[in-house]
PDB file of N, CA and C in Angstrom:
ATOM      1  N   MET A   1     164.854  52.004  57.142  1.00  0.00           N
ATOM      2  CA  MET A   1     165.524  51.441  57.591  1.00  0.00           C
ATOM      3  C   MET A   1     166.462  52.164  58.558  1.00  0.00           C
ATOM      4  N   GLY A   2     166.143  53.240  59.292  1.00  0.00           N
ATOM      5  CA  GLY A   2     166.821  54.314  59.969  1.00  0.00           C
ATOM      6  C   GLY A   2     166.537  53.547  61.433  1.00  0.00           C
ATOM      7  N   GLU A   3     167.066  54.593  62.343  1.00  0.00           N
ATOM      8  CA  GLU A   3     167.002  54.443  63.620  1.00  0.00           C
ATOM      9  C   GLU A   3     165.782  54.943  64.255  1.00  0.00           C
ATOM     10  N   SER A   4     164.479  54.587  63.822  1.00  0.00           N
ATOM     11  CA  SER A   4     163.029  54.930  64.275  1.00  0.00           C
ATOM     12  C   SER A   4     163.275  56.422  64.681  1.00  0.00           C
ATOM     13  N   GLY A   5     163.571  57.170  63.594  1.00  0.00           N
ATOM     14  CA  GLY A   5     163.549  58.335  63.785  1.00  0.00           C
ATOM     15  C   GLY A   5     164.600  59.135  64.592  1.00  0.00           C
ATOM     16  N   LYS A   6     165.363  58.570  64.957  1.00  0.00           N
ATOM     17  CA  LYS A   6     166.463  59.150  65.815  1.00  0.00           C
ATOM     18  C   LYS A   6     166.804  60.789  65.469  1.00  0.00           C
ATOM     19  N   PHE A   7     167.195  60.776  64.263  1.00  0.00           N
ATOM     20  CA  PHE A   7     167.711  62.288  63.750  1.00  0.00           C
ATOM     21  C   PHE A   7     166.604  63.140  62.958  1.00  0.00           C
ATOM     22  N   LEU A   8     165.214  62.903  63.079  1.00  0.00           N
ATOM     23  CA  LEU A   8     164.229  63.802  62.388  1.00  0.00           C
ATOM     24  C   LEU A   8     163.901  64.994  63.104  1.00  0.00           C
ATOM     25  N   SER A   9     163.608  65.999  62.490  1.00  0.00           N
ATOM     26  CA  SER A   9     163.315  66.936  62.899  1.00  0.00           C
ATOM     27  C   SER A   9     161.805  66.625  63.891  1.00  0.00           C
ATOM     28  N   GLU A  10     161.296  67.357  64.496  1.00  0.00           N
ATOM     29  CA  GLU A  10     160.092  67.449  65.082  1.00  0.00           C
ATOM     30  C   GLU A  10     158.963  67.246  64.099  1.00  0.00           C
ATOM     31  N   GLN A  11     159.132  68.185  62.913  1.00  0.00           N
ATOM     32  CA  GLN A  11     158.115  68.286  61.888  1.00  0.00           C
ATOM     33  C   GLN A  11     157.902  66.727  61.276  1.00  0.00           C
ATOM     34  N   LEU A  12     159.192  66.221  60.891  1.00  0.00           N
ATOM     35  CA  LEU A  12     159.171  64.963  60.401  1.00  0.00           C
ATOM     36  C   LEU A  12     158.907  63.704  61.352  1.00  0.00           C
ATOM     37  N   LYS A  13     158.957  64.165  62.581  1.00  0.00           N
ATOM     38  CA  LYS A  13     158.454  62.797  63.542  1.00  0.00           C
ATOM     39  C   LYS A  13     157.193  62.870  63.521  1.00  0.00           C
ATOM     40  N   ASN A  14     156.502  63.780  63.174  1.00  0.00           N
ATOM     41  CA  ASN A  14     155.034  63.686  63.395  1.00  0.00           C
ATOM     42  C   ASN A  14     154.317  63.676  61.927  1.00  0.00           C
ATOM     43  N   THR A  15     155.283  63.393  60.935  1.00  0.00           N
ATOM     44  CA  THR A  15     154.845  62.901  59.494  1.00  0.00           C
ATOM     45  C   THR A  15     154.256  61.479  59.552  1.00  0.00           C
ATOM     46  N   GLU A  16     153.031  61.167  59.241  1.00  0.00           N
ATOM     47  CA  GLU A  16     152.725  59.986  59.055  1.00  0.00           C
ATOM     48  C   GLU A  16     153.680  59.193  58.099  1.00  0.00           C
ATOM     49  N   GLY A  17     154.290  57.749  58.178  1.00  0.00           N
ATOM     50  CA  GLY A  17     154.895  56.894  57.457  1.00  0.00           C
ATOM     51  C   GLY A  17     156.434  57.070  57.678  1.00  0.00           C
ATOM     52  N   MET A  18     156.710  58.034  58.496  1.00  0.00           N
ATOM     53  CA  MET A  18     158.225  58.110  58.752  1.00  0.00           C
ATOM     54  C   MET A  18     159.080  57.001  59.250  1.00  0.00           C
ATOM     55  N   THR A  19     158.299  56.210  60.034  1.00  0.00           N
ATOM     56  CA  THR A  19     158.895  55.006  60.543  1.00  0.00           C
ATOM     57  C   THR A  19     158.080  54.038  60.412  1.00  0.00           C
ATOM     58  N   GLY A  20     158.840  52.715  60.284  1.00  0.00           N
ATOM     59  CA  GLY A  20     158.002  51.473  60.247  1.00  0.00           C
ATOM     60  C   GLY A  20     158.417  50.445  59.150  1.00  0.00           C
ATOM     61  N   CYS A  21     159.832  50.455  59.040  1.00  0.00           N
ATOM     62  CA  CYS A  21     160.352  49.750  57.874  1.00  0.00           C
ATOM     63  C   CYS A  21     160.264  48.129  58.348  1.00  0.00           C
ATOM     64  N   THR A  22     160.596  47.828  59.489  1.00  0.00           N
ATOM     65  CA  THR A  22     160.421  46.598  59.820  1.00  0.00           C
ATOM     66  C   THR A  22     158.992  45.666  59.539  1.00  0.00           C
ATOM     67  N   VAL A  23     157.835  46.740  60.131  1.00  0.00           N
ATOM     68  CA  VAL A  23     156.795  46.231  60.137  1.00  0.00           C
ATOM     69  C   VAL A  23     156.317  46.174  58.541  1.00  0.00           C
ATOM     70  N   GLN A  24     156.569  47.002  57.617  1.00  0.00           N
ATOM     71  CA  GLN A  24     156.271  47.128  56.198  1.00  0.00           C
ATOM     72  C   GLN A  24     156.968  46.076  55.554  1.00  0.00           C
ATOM     73  N   ALA A  25     158.214  45.671  55.940  1.00  0.00           N
ATOM     74  CA  ALA A  25     158.696  44.252  55.033  1.00  0.00           C
ATOM     75  C   ALA A  25     158.366  43.195  55.517  1.00  0.00           C
ATOM     76  N   GLY A  26     157.898  43.165  57.052  1.00  0.00           N
ATOM     77  CA  GLY A  26     157.088  41.663  57.196  1.00  0.00           C
ATOM     78  C   GLY A  26     155.664  41.610  56.654  1.00  0.00           C
ATOM     79  N   GLU A  27     155.095  42.751  56.169  1.00  0.00           N
ATOM     80  CA  GLU A  27     153.705  42.518  55.545  1.00  0.00           C
ATOM     81  C   GLU A  27     154.012  42.130  54.251  1.00  0.00           C
ATOM     82  N   TYR A  28     155.132  42.589  53.329  1.00  0.00           N
ATOM     83  CA  TYR A  28     155.277  42.290  52.334  1.00  0.00           C
ATOM     84  C   TYR A  28     155.527  40.689  51.953  1.00  0.00           C
ATOM     85  N   LYS A  29     156.594  40.498  53.403  1.00  0.00           N
ATOM     86  CA  LYS A  29     157.097  38.942  53.174  1.00  0.00           C
ATOM     87  C   LYS A  29     155.812  38.081  53.573  1.00  0.00           C
ATOM     88  N   ARG A  30     154.806  38.563  54.210  1.00  0.00           N
ATOM     89  CA  ARG A  30     153.789  37.536  54.751  1.00  0.00           C
ATOM     90  C   ARG A  30     152.777  37.614  53.474  1.00  0.00           C
ATOM     91  N   LEU A  31     152.875  38.362  52.343  1.00  0.00           N
ATOM     92  CA  LEU A  31     151.982  38.726  51.410  1.00  0.00           C
ATOM     93  C   LEU A  31     152.656  38.203  49.859  1.00  0.00           C
ATOM     94  N   MET A  32     153.839  37.758  50.091  1.00  0.00           N
ATOM     95  CA  MET A  32     154.808  37.632  48.706  1.00  0.00           C
ATOM     96  C   MET A  32     154.237  36.719  48.046  1.00  0.00           C
ATOM     97  N   SER A  33     153.387  35.664  48.416  1.00  0.00           N
ATOM     98  CA  SER A  33     152.765  34.494  47.323  1.00  0.00           C
ATOM     99  C   SER A  33     152.053  35.336  46.551  1.00  0.00           C
ATOM    100  N   GLU A  34     151.129  36.035  47.141  1.00  0.00           N
ATOM    101  CA  GLU A  34     149.840  36.497  46.319  1.00  0.00           C
ATOM    102  C   GLU A  34     150.765  37.568  45.554  1.00  0.00           C
ATOM    103  N   PHE A  35     151.973  38.184  45.692  1.00  0.00           N
ATOM    104  CA  PHE A  35     152.312  39.187  44.532  1.00  0.00           C
ATOM    105  C   PHE A  35     152.804  38.272  43.339  1.00  0.00           C
ATOM    106  N   ASN A  36     153.404  37.316  43.797  1.00  0.00           N
ATOM    107  CA  ASN A  36     153.754  36.083  42.928  1.00  0.00           C
ATOM    108  C   ASN A  36     153.102  35.796  41.930  1.00  0.00           C
ATOM    109  N   GLU A  37     151.771  35.164  42.673  1.00  0.00           N
ATOM    110  CA  GLU A  37     150.598  34.777  41.518  1.00  0.00           C
ATOM    111  C   GLU A  37     150.175  35.844  40.470  1.00  0.00           C
ATOM    112  N   LEU A  38     150.278  36.872  41.169  1.00  0.00           N
ATOM    113  CA  LEU A  38     149.777  38.018  40.320  1.00  0.00           C
ATOM    114  C   LEU A  38     150.928  38.409  39.078  1.00  0.00           C
ATOM    115  N   SER A  39     152.118  37.696  39.214  1.00  0.00           N
ATOM    116  CA  SER A  39     153.259  38.222  38.341  1.00  0.00           C
ATOM    117  C   SER A  39     153.852  39.807  38.702  1.00  0.00           C
ATOM    118  N   PHE A  40     153.605  39.820  40.119  1.00  0.00           N
ATOM    119  CA  PHE A  40     154.572  40.900  40.417  1.00  0.00           C
ATOM    120  C   PHE A  40     155.615  41.106  41.388  1.00  0.00           C
ATOM    121  N   MET A  41     156.690  41.587  40.876  1.00  0.00           N
ATOM    122  CA  MET A  41     157.870  41.596  41.531  1.00  0.00           C
ATOM    123  C   MET A  41     157.913  42.826  42.818  1.00  0.00           C
ATOM    124  N   VAL A  42     158.261  42.325  44.223  1.00  0.00           N
ATOM    125  CA  VAL A  42     158.417  43.353  44.854  1.00  0.00           C
ATOM    126  C   VAL A  42     160.112  43.673  45.175  1.00  0.00           C
ATOM    127  N   VAL A  43     160.390  45.054  44.920  1.00  0.00           N
ATOM    128  CA  VAL A  43     161.770  45.451  45.145  1.00  0.00           C
ATOM    129  C   VAL A  43     161.553  46.780  45.880  1.00  0.00           C
ATOM    130  N   ALA A  44     162.451  46.423  47.213  1.00  0.00           N
ATOM    131  CA  ALA A  44     162.756  47.671  48.013  1.00  0.00           C
ATOM    132  C   ALA A  44     164.091  48.355  47.487  1.00  0.00           C
ATOM    133  N   ILE A  45     163.650  49.404  47.409  1.00  0.00           N
ATOM    134  CA  ILE A  45     164.851  50.668  47.279  1.00  0.00           C
ATOM    135  C   ILE A  45     165.227  51.309  48.314  1.00  0.00           C
ATOM    136  N   GLY A  46     166.543  51.482  48.748  1.00  0.00           N
ATOM    137  CA  GLY A  46     166.942  52.212  49.842  1.00  0.00           C
ATOM    138  C   GLY A  46     168.369  52.819  49.388  1.00  0.00           C
ATOM    139  N   THR A  47     168.682  53.893  50.183  1.00  0.00           N
ATOM    140  CA  THR A  47     169.774  54.651  50.130  1.00  0.00           C
ATOM    141  C   THR A  47     170.826  54.481  51.107  1.00  0.00           C
ATOM    142  N   GLN A  48     170.512  53.800  52.462  1.00  0.00           N
ATOM    143  CA  GLN A  48     171.420  53.461  53.298  1.00  0.00           C
ATOM    144  C   GLN A  48     172.611  52.681  52.761  1.00  0.00           C
ATOM    145  N   ASP A  49     173.697  52.615  53.676  1.00  0.00           N
ATOM    146  CA  ASP A  49     174.921  51.881  53.097  1.00  0.00           C
ATOM    147  C   ASP A  49     174.333  50.552  52.855  1.00  0.00           C
ATOM    148  N   LEU A  50     174.893  50.047  51.916  1.00  0.00           N
ATOM    149  CA  LEU A  50     174.910  48.532  51.498  1.00  0.00           C
ATOM    150  C   LEU A  50     174.878  47.666  52.502  1.00  0.00           C
ATOM    151  N   ALA A  51     175.942  47.531  53.504  1.00  0.00           N
ATOM    152  CA  ALA A  51     175.949  46.378  54.563  1.00  0.00           C
ATOM    153  C   ALA A  51     174.560  46.632  55.544  1.00  0.00           C
ATOM    154  N   GLU A  52     173.911  47.958  55.695  1.00  0.00           N
ATOM    155  CA  GLU A  52     172.962  48.037  56.199  1.00  0.00           C
ATOM    156  C   GLU A  52     171.848  47.395  55.775  1.00  0.00           C
ATOM    157  N   GLN A  53     171.713  47.519  54.408  1.00  0.00           N
ATOM    158  CA  GLN A  53     170.560  46.722  53.567  1.00  0.00           C
ATOM    159  C   GLN A  53     170.620  45.499  53.783  1.00  0.00           C
ATOM    160  N   ILE A  54     171.873  44.994  53.571  1.00  0.00           N
ATOM    161  CA  ILE A  54     172.080  43.379  53.651  1.00  0.00           C
ATOM    162  C   ILE A  54     171.611  42.981  55.009  1.00  0.00           C
ATOM    163  N   LYS A  55     172.183  43.655  56.148  1.00  0.00           N
ATOM    164  CA  LYS A  55     171.701  42.977  57.304  1.00  0.00           C
ATOM    165  C   LYS A  55     170.456  43.295  57.563  1.00  0.00           C
ATOM    166  N   PHE A  56     169.472  44.372  57.222  1.00  0.00           N
ATOM    167  CA  PHE A  56     168.090  44.651  57.325  1.00  0.00           C
ATOM    168  C   PHE A  56     167.345  43.168  56.611  1.00  0.00           C
ATOM    169  N   LYS A  57     167.678  42.945  55.415  1.00  0.00           N
ATOM    170  CA  LYS A  57     167.149  41.986  54.746  1.00  0.00           C
ATOM    171  C   LYS A  57     167.258  40.572  55.399  1.00  0.00           C
ATOM    172  N   GLU A  58     168.401  40.205  55.993  1.00  0.00           N
ATOM    173  CA  GLU A  58     168.703  38.931  56.741  1.00  0.00           C
ATOM    174  C   GLU A  58     167.795  39.214  57.988  1.00  0.00           C
ATOM    175  N   ASP A  59     167.960  40.212  58.752  1.00  0.00           N
ATOM    176  CA  ASP A  59     166.987  40.314  60.336  1.00  0.00           C
ATOM    177  C   ASP A  59     165.681  39.965  59.863  1.00  0.00           C
ATOM    178  N   THR A  60     165.024  40.647  58.662  1.00  0.00           N
ATOM    179  CA  THR A  60     163.868  40.533  58.421  1.00  0.00           C
ATOM    180  C   THR A  60     163.286  39.291  57.832  1.00  0.00           C
ATOM    181  N   GLY A  61     164.235  38.650  57.206  1.00  0.00           N
ATOM    182  CA  GLY A  61     163.953  37.527  56.327  1.00  0.00           C
ATOM    183  C   GLY A  61     163.219  37.831  54.971  1.00  0.00           C
ATOM    184  N   ALA A  62     163.292  38.960  54.668  1.00  0.00           N
ATOM    185  CA  ALA A  62     162.399  39.590  53.533  1.00  0.00           C
ATOM    186  C   ALA A  62     163.150  38.631  52.356  1.00  0.00           C
ATOM    187  N   GLN A  63     161.926  38.391  51.655  1.00  0.00           N
ATOM    188  CA  GLN A  63     162.076  37.625  50.414  1.00  0.00           C
ATOM    189  C   GLN A  63     161.752  38.017  49.187  1.00  0.00           C
ATOM    190  N   PHE A  64     162.647  39.306  49.162  1.00  0.00           N
ATOM    191  CA  PHE A  64     162.277  40.214  47.949  1.00  0.00           C
ATOM    192  C   PHE A  64     163.448  40.871  47.408  1.00  0.00           C
ATOM    193  N   MET A  65     163.749  41.247  46.494  1.00  0.00           N
ATOM    194  CA  MET A  65     164.937  42.106  46.092  1.00  0.00           C
ATOM    195  C   MET A  65     165.018  43.494  46.541  1.00  0.00           C
ATOM    196  N   PHE A  66     166.348  43.532  47.058  1.00  0.00           N
ATOM    197  CA  PHE A  66     166.617  45.080  47.454  1.00  0.00           C
ATOM    198  C   PHE A  66     167.434  45.463  46.642  1.00  0.00           C
ATOM    199  N   LEU A  67     167.416  47.016  46.326  1.00  0.00           N
ATOM    200  CA  LEU A  67     168.379  47.612  45.641  1.00  0.00           C
ATOM    201  C   LEU A  67     168.803  48.813  46.162  1.00  0.00           C
ATOM    202  N   ASN A  68     170.315  49.341  45.856  1.00  0.00           N
ATOM    203  CA  ASN A  68     170.923  50.151  46.848  1.00  0.00           C
ATOM    204  C   ASN A  68     171.118  51.414  45.652  1.00  0.00           C
ATOM    205  N   ASP A  69     170.576  52.430  45.980  1.00  0.00           N
ATOM    206  CA  ASP A  69     170.359  53.768  45.500  1.00  0.00           C
ATOM    207  C   ASP A  69     171.225  54.881  46.283  1.00  0.00           C
ATOM    208  N   ALA A  70     172.273  54.621  46.599  1.00  0.00           N
ATOM    209  CA  ALA A  70     173.096  55.795  47.402  1.00  0.00           C
ATOM    210  C   ALA A  70     173.270  56.532  46.940  1.00  0.00           C
ATOM    211  N   ASP A  71     173.514  56.694  45.648  1.00  0.00           N
ATOM    212  CA  ASP A  71     173.712  57.887  44.726  1.00  0.00           C
ATOM    213  C   ASP A  71     172.576  58.760  44.554  1.00  0.00           C
ATOM    214  N   PHE A  72     171.263  58.635  44.650  1.00  0.00           N
ATOM    215  CA  PHE A  72     170.187  58.916  44.562  1.00  0.00           C
ATOM    216  C   PHE A  72     169.785  59.319  43.053  1.00  0.00           C
ATOM    217  N   ALA A  73     170.414  58.098  42.321  1.00  0.00           N
ATOM    218  CA  ALA A  73     170.220  58.192  40.731  1.00  0.00           C
ATOM    219  C   ALA A  73     168.698  58.237  40.320  1.00  0.00           C
ATOM    220  N   LEU A  74     167.577  57.544  41.364  1.00  0.00           N
ATOM    221  CA  LEU A  74     166.183  57.403  40.955  1.00  0.00           C
ATOM    222  C   LEU A  74     165.569  58.792  41.214  1.00  0.00           C
ATOM    223  N   GLU A  75     166.060  59.562  42.227  1.00  0.00           N
ATOM    224  CA  GLU A  75     165.602  60.969  43.034  1.00  0.00           C
ATOM    225  C   GLU A  75     165.569  61.510  41.400  1.00  0.00           C
ATOM    226  N   ARG A  76     166.706  61.841  40.718  1.00  0.00           N
ATOM    227  CA  ARG A  76     166.956  62.651  39.503  1.00  0.00           C
ATOM    228  C   ARG A  76     166.260  62.144  38.415  1.00  0.00           C
ATOM    229  N   ALA A  77     166.096  60.813  38.180  1.00  0.00           N
ATOM    230  CA  ALA A  77     165.379  60.510  37.035  1.00  0.00           C
ATOM    231  C   ALA A  77     164.086  60.349  37.223  1.00  0.00           C
ATOM    232  N   LEU A  78     163.402  60.146  38.336  1.00  0.00           N
ATOM    233  CA  LEU A  78     161.981  59.992  38.542  1.00  0.00           C
ATOM    234  C   LEU A  78     161.469  61.023  38.940  1.00  0.00           C
ATOM    235  N   GLU A  79     162.226  61.929  39.668  1.00  0.00           N
ATOM    236  CA  GLU A  79     161.849  63.115  40.267  1.00  0.00           C
ATOM    237  C   GLU A  79     161.243  62.748  41.845  1.00  0.00           C
ATOM    238  N   LEU A  80     161.811  61.720  42.409  1.00  0.00           N
ATOM    239  CA  LEU A  80     161.354  60.911  43.445  1.00  0.00           C
ATOM    240  C   LEU A  80     161.361  62.047  44.691  1.00  0.00           C
ATOM    241  N   PRO A  81     160.639  62.092  45.681  1.00  0.00           N
ATOM    242  CA  PRO A  81     160.608  63.082  46.707  1.00  0.00           C
ATOM    243  C   PRO A  81     161.504  62.464  47.799  1.00  0.00           C
ATOM    244  N   VAL A  82     162.508  63.517  48.272  1.00  0.00           N
ATOM    245  CA  VAL A  82     163.297  63.032  49.626  1.00  0.00           C
ATOM    246  C   VAL A  82     163.402  64.120  50.494  1.00  0.00           C
ATOM    247  N   PHE A  83     163.800  63.792  51.625  1.00  0.00           N
ATOM    248  CA  PHE A  83     164.049  64.556  53.019  1.00  0.00           C
ATOM    249  C   PHE A  83     165.440  64.529  53.246  1.00  0.00           C
ATOM    250  N   SER A  84     165.827  65.239  54.238  1.00  0.00           N
ATOM    251  CA  SER A  84     167.208  65.212  55.115  1.00  0.00           C
ATOM    252  C   SER A  84     167.036  64.890  56.663  1.00  0.00           C
ATOM    253  N   SER A  85     167.606  64.472  57.218  1.00  0.00           N
ATOM    254  CA  SER A  85     167.489  64.191  58.674  1.00  0.00           C
ATOM    255  C   SER A  85     168.641  65.033  59.230  1.00  0.00           C
ATOM    256  N   GLY A  86     168.422  64.955  60.680  1.00  0.00           N
ATOM    257  CA  GLY A  86     169.000  66.050  61.375  1.00  0.00           C
ATOM    258  C   GLY A  86     170.808  66.014  61.464  1.00  0.00           C
ATOM    259  N   ASP A  87     171.090  64.598  61.089  1.00  0.00           N
ATOM    260  CA  ASP A  87     172.402  64.218  60.998  1.00  0.00           C
ATOM    261  C   ASP A  87     173.201  64.701  59.487  1.00  0.00           C
ATOM    262  N   GLY A  88     172.178  65.128  58.598  1.00  0.00           N
ATOM    263  CA  GLY A  88     172.683  65.642  57.401  1.00  0.00           C
ATOM    264  C   GLY A  88     172.465  64.391  56.224  1.00  0.00           C
ATOM    265  N   LYS A  89     171.982  63.096  56.686  1.00  0.00           N
ATOM    266  CA  LYS A  89     171.475  61.932  55.666  1.00  0.00           C
ATOM    267  C   LYS A  89     170.307  62.522  54.818  1.00  0.00           C
ATOM    268  N   LYS A  90     170.746  62.183  53.808  1.00  0.00           N
ATOM    269  CA  LYS A  90     169.320  62.114  52.802  1.00  0.00           C
ATOM    270  C   LYS A  90     168.579  60.783  52.457  1.00  0.00           C
ATOM    271  N   PHE A  91     167.336  60.755  52.579  1.00  0.00           N
ATOM    272  CA  PHE A  91     166.574  59.577  52.390  1.00  0.00           C
ATOM    273  C   PHE A  91     165.424  59.981  51.298  1.00  0.00           C
ATOM    274  N   TYR A  92     164.807  59.025  50.993  1.00  0.00           N
ATOM    275  CA  TYR A  92     163.500  59.193  49.947  1.00  0.00           C
ATOM    276  C   TYR A  92     162.418  58.995  51.196  1.00  0.00           C
ATOM    277  N   PHE A  93     161.160  59.580  51.132  1.00  0.00           N
ATOM    278  CA  PHE A  93     160.148  59.522  51.591  1.00  0.00           C
ATOM    279  C   PHE A  93     159.462  58.136  51.255  1.00  0.00           C
ATOM    280  N   ARG A  94     158.777  57.263  52.018  1.00  0.00           N
ATOM    281  CA  ARG A  94     158.378  55.964  51.993  1.00  0.00           C
ATOM    282  C   ARG A  94     157.435  56.239  51.110  1.00  0.00           C
ATOM    283  N   GLN A  95     157.523  55.252  49.710  1.00  0.00           N
ATOM    284  CA  GLN A  95     156.457  55.449  48.725  1.00  0.00           C
ATOM    285  C   GLN A  95     156.426  53.955  47.989  1.00  0.00           C
ATOM    286  N   THR A  96     155.135  53.871  47.373  1.00  0.00           N
ATOM    287  CA  THR A  96     154.897  52.432  46.481  1.00  0.00           C
ATOM    288  C   THR A  96     155.109  53.231  45.364  1.00  0.00           C
ATOM    289  N   LEU A  97     155.573  52.313  44.553  1.00  0.00           N
ATOM    290  CA  LEU A  97     155.701  52.654  42.873  1.00  0.00           C
ATOM    291  C   LEU A  97     155.275  51.533  42.303  1.00  0.00           C
ATOM    292  N   ILE A  98     153.944  51.533  41.493  1.00  0.00           N
ATOM    293  CA  ILE A  98     153.593  50.244  40.800  1.00  0.00           C
ATOM    294  C   ILE A  98     153.923  50.489  39.559  1.00  0.00           C
ATOM    295  N   ILE A  99     155.073  49.191  38.758  1.00  0.00           N
ATOM    296  CA  ILE A  99     155.266  49.643  37.392  1.00  0.00           C
ATOM    297  C   ILE A  99     154.786  48.555  36.563  1.00  0.00           C
ATOM    298  N   LYS A 100     154.454  48.634  35.541  1.00  0.00           N
ATOM    299  CA  LYS A 100     153.878  47.819  34.336  1.00  0.00           C
ATOM    300  C   LYS A 100     154.233  48.269  33.152  1.00  0.00           C
ATOM    301  N   SER A 101     154.928  47.195  32.383  1.00  0.00           N
ATOM    302  CA  SER A 101     155.473  47.438  31.314  1.00  0.00           C
ATOM    303  C   SER A 101     156.431  48.493  31.129  1.00  0.00           C
ATOM    304  N   GLY A 102     157.245  48.678  32.219  1.00  0.00           N
ATOM    305  CA  GLY A 102     158.278  49.691  32.394  1.00  0.00           C
ATOM    306  C   GLY A 102     158.204  50.947  32.557  1.00  0.00           C
ATOM    307  N   LYS A 103     156.954  51.296  33.009  1.00  0.00           N
ATOM    308  CA  LYS A 103     156.204  52.362  32.963  1.00  0.00           C
ATOM    309  C   LYS A 103     155.646  52.640  34.534  1.00  0.00           C
ATOM    310  N   ILE A 104     156.130  53.690  35.183  1.00  0.00           N
ATOM    311  CA  ILE A 104     155.098  54.225  36.447  1.00  0.00           C
ATOM    312  C   ILE A 104     153.856  54.156  36.134  1.00  0.00           C
ATOM    313  N   VAL A 105     153.009  53.368  36.719  1.00  0.00           N
ATOM    314  CA  VAL A 105     151.508  53.754  36.574  1.00  0.00           C
ATOM    315  C   VAL A 105     150.687  54.234  37.929  1.00  0.00           C
ATOM    316  N   ARG A 106     151.370  53.950  38.745  1.00  0.00           N
ATOM    317  CA  ARG A 106     150.961  54.428  39.837  1.00  0.00           C
ATOM    318  C   ARG A 106     152.037  54.741  41.110  1.00  0.00           C
ATOM    319  N   ALA A 107     151.724  55.948  41.568  1.00  0.00           N
ATOM    320  CA  ALA A 107     153.030  56.198  42.705  1.00  0.00           C
ATOM    321  C   ALA A 107     152.240  57.022  43.917  1.00  0.00           C
ATOM    322  N   ASP A 108     152.487  56.336  45.074  1.00  0.00           N
ATOM    323  CA  ASP A 108     151.832  56.894  46.415  1.00  0.00           C
ATOM    324  C   ASP A 108     152.779  57.032  47.506  1.00  0.00           C
ATOM    325  N   LEU A 109     152.520  58.005  48.132  1.00  0.00           N
ATOM    326  CA  LEU A 109     153.312  57.815  49.503  1.00  0.00           C
ATOM    327  C   LEU A 109     152.703  57.248  50.402  1.00  0.00           C
ATOM    328  N   VAL A 110     153.745  56.399  51.306  1.00  0.00           N
ATOM    329  CA  VAL A 110     153.092  55.284  52.298  1.00  0.00           C
ATOM    330  C   VAL A 110     152.997  56.136  53.709  1.00  0.00           C
ATOM    331  N   LEU A 111     151.730  56.033  54.321  1.00  0.00           N
ATOM    332  CA  LEU A 111     151.509  56.909  55.326  1.00  0.00           C
ATOM    333  C   LEU A 111     151.297  55.802  56.545  1.00  0.00           C
ATOM    334  N   LYS A 112     150.949  54.660  56.256  1.00  0.00           N
ATOM    335  CA  LYS A 112     150.780  53.673  57.087  1.00  0.00           C
ATOM    336  C   LYS A 112     151.626  52.249  56.524  1.00  0.00           C
ATOM    337  N   PRO A 113     152.615  52.283  56.977  1.00  0.00           N
ATOM    338  CA  PRO A 113     153.580  50.976  56.440  1.00  0.00           C
ATOM    339  C   PRO A 113     153.238  50.021  56.793  1.00  0.00           C
ATOM    340  N   GLN A 114     152.140  49.907  58.188  1.00  0.00           N
ATOM    341  CA  GLN A 114     151.927  48.373  58.356  1.00  0.00           C
ATOM    342  C   GLN A 114     150.627  47.667  57.296  1.00  0.00           C
ATOM    343  N   ASP A 115     149.967  48.912  56.661  1.00  0.00           N
ATOM    344  CA  ASP A 115     149.063  48.480  55.283  1.00  0.00           C
ATOM    345  C   ASP A 115     149.343  48.523  54.177  1.00  0.00           C
ATOM    346  N   ASP A 116     150.839  48.790  54.000  1.00  0.00           N
ATOM    347  CA  ASP A 116     151.312  49.568  52.519  1.00  0.00           C
ATOM    348  C   ASP A 116     151.318  47.911  51.695  1.00  0.00           C
ATOM    349  N   ALA A 117     151.566  47.301  51.941  1.00  0.00           N
ATOM    350  CA  ALA A 117     151.594  45.680  51.287  1.00  0.00           C
ATOM    351  C   ALA A 117     150.464  45.265  51.100  1.00  0.00           C
ATOM    352  N   LYS A 118     149.253  45.237  51.973  1.00  0.00           N
ATOM    353  CA  LYS A 118     147.869  44.900  51.712  1.00  0.00           C
ATOM    354  C   LYS A 118     147.251  45.605  50.716  1.00  0.00           C
ATOM    355  N   ASN A 119     147.626  47.381  50.902  1.00  0.00           N
ATOM    356  CA  ASN A 119     147.059  48.279  49.946  1.00  0.00           C
ATOM    357  C   ASN A 119     147.693  48.076  48.579  1.00  0.00           C
ATOM    358  N   ALA A 120     148.746  47.826  48.188  1.00  0.00           N
ATOM    359  CA  ALA A 120     149.179  47.683  47.064  1.00  0.00           C
ATOM    360  C   ALA A 120     148.842  46.438  46.194  1.00  0.00           C
ATOM    361  N   LEU A 121     148.594  45.398  47.096  1.00  0.00           N
ATOM    362  CA  LEU A 121     147.951  44.282  46.457  1.00  0.00           C
ATOM    363  C   LEU A 121     146.479  44.398  45.794  1.00  0.00           C
ATOM    364  N   GLU A 122     145.858  45.004  46.830  1.00  0.00           N
ATOM    365  CA  GLU A 122     144.530  45.561  46.277  1.00  0.00           C
ATOM    366  C   GLU A 122     144.332  46.234  45.199  1.00  0.00           C
ATOM    367  N   LEU A 123     145.210  47.391  45.127  1.00  0.00           N
ATOM    368  CA  LEU A 123     145.280  47.919  43.671  1.00  0.00           C
ATOM    369  C   LEU A 123     145.689  47.326  42.718  1.00  0.00           C
ATOM    370  N   ILE A 124     146.758  46.377  42.751  1.00  0.00           N
ATOM    371  CA  ILE A 124     147.072  45.487  41.569  1.00  0.00           C
ATOM    372  C   ILE A 124     145.750  44.625  41.269  1.00  0.00           C
ATOM    373  N   LYS A 125     145.092  43.876  42.400  1.00  0.00           N
ATOM    374  CA  LYS A 125     143.647  42.900  42.115  1.00  0.00           C
ATOM    375  C   LYS A 125     142.778  43.594  41.280  1.00  0.00           C
ATOM    376  N   ASN A 126     142.836  44.856  41.506  1.00  0.00           N
ATOM    377  CA  ASN A 126     141.845  45.866  41.142  1.00  0.00           C
ATOM    378  C   ASN A 126     141.856  46.544  39.961  1.00  0.00           C
ATOM    379  N   ARG A 127     143.299  46.320  39.544  1.00  0.00           N
ATOM    380  CA  ARG A 127     143.736  47.133  38.447  1.00  0.00           C
ATOM    381  C   ARG A 127     143.506  48.621  38.656  1.00  0.00           C
ATOM    382  N   ALA A 128     143.635  49.133  39.902  1.00  0.00           N
ATOM    383  CA  ALA A 128     143.479  50.635  40.054  1.00  0.00           C
ATOM    384  C   ALA A 128     144.679  51.491  39.857  1.00  0.00           C
ATOM    385  N   PHE A 129     144.857  51.234  38.438  1.00  0.00           N
ATOM    386  CA  PHE A 129     146.222  51.965  38.215  1.00  0.00           C
ATOM    387  C   PHE A 129     146.214  52.403  36.746  1.00  0.00           C
TER     388      PHE A 129
END
């Protein structure tokens, strides 16, 4: 939910998956009923200001839960990968975690945000975790 790479280094700008929050949220919204049918909850975790998260959720019409982790508690607890932008802000790399019975059973960096929801759904359907 950044500003489309405005403050990314050239190296990060050329890293797959660094932009695409809106399209990714739209695809999860489109496939939400299928996740629900499989009894999986979709939760988006972000580190941006809470007001920015709320606005993004409203603007995209996302029908899933958003959690705010501005203190990076999950980075420490789960050793999630992060990066810093040129303006000094820290973010999580885009990733999908599949959690079952309270355990992370699969963790993947997202390289193509437009395909993430479809790919996660297929992993769940095929029990590929």
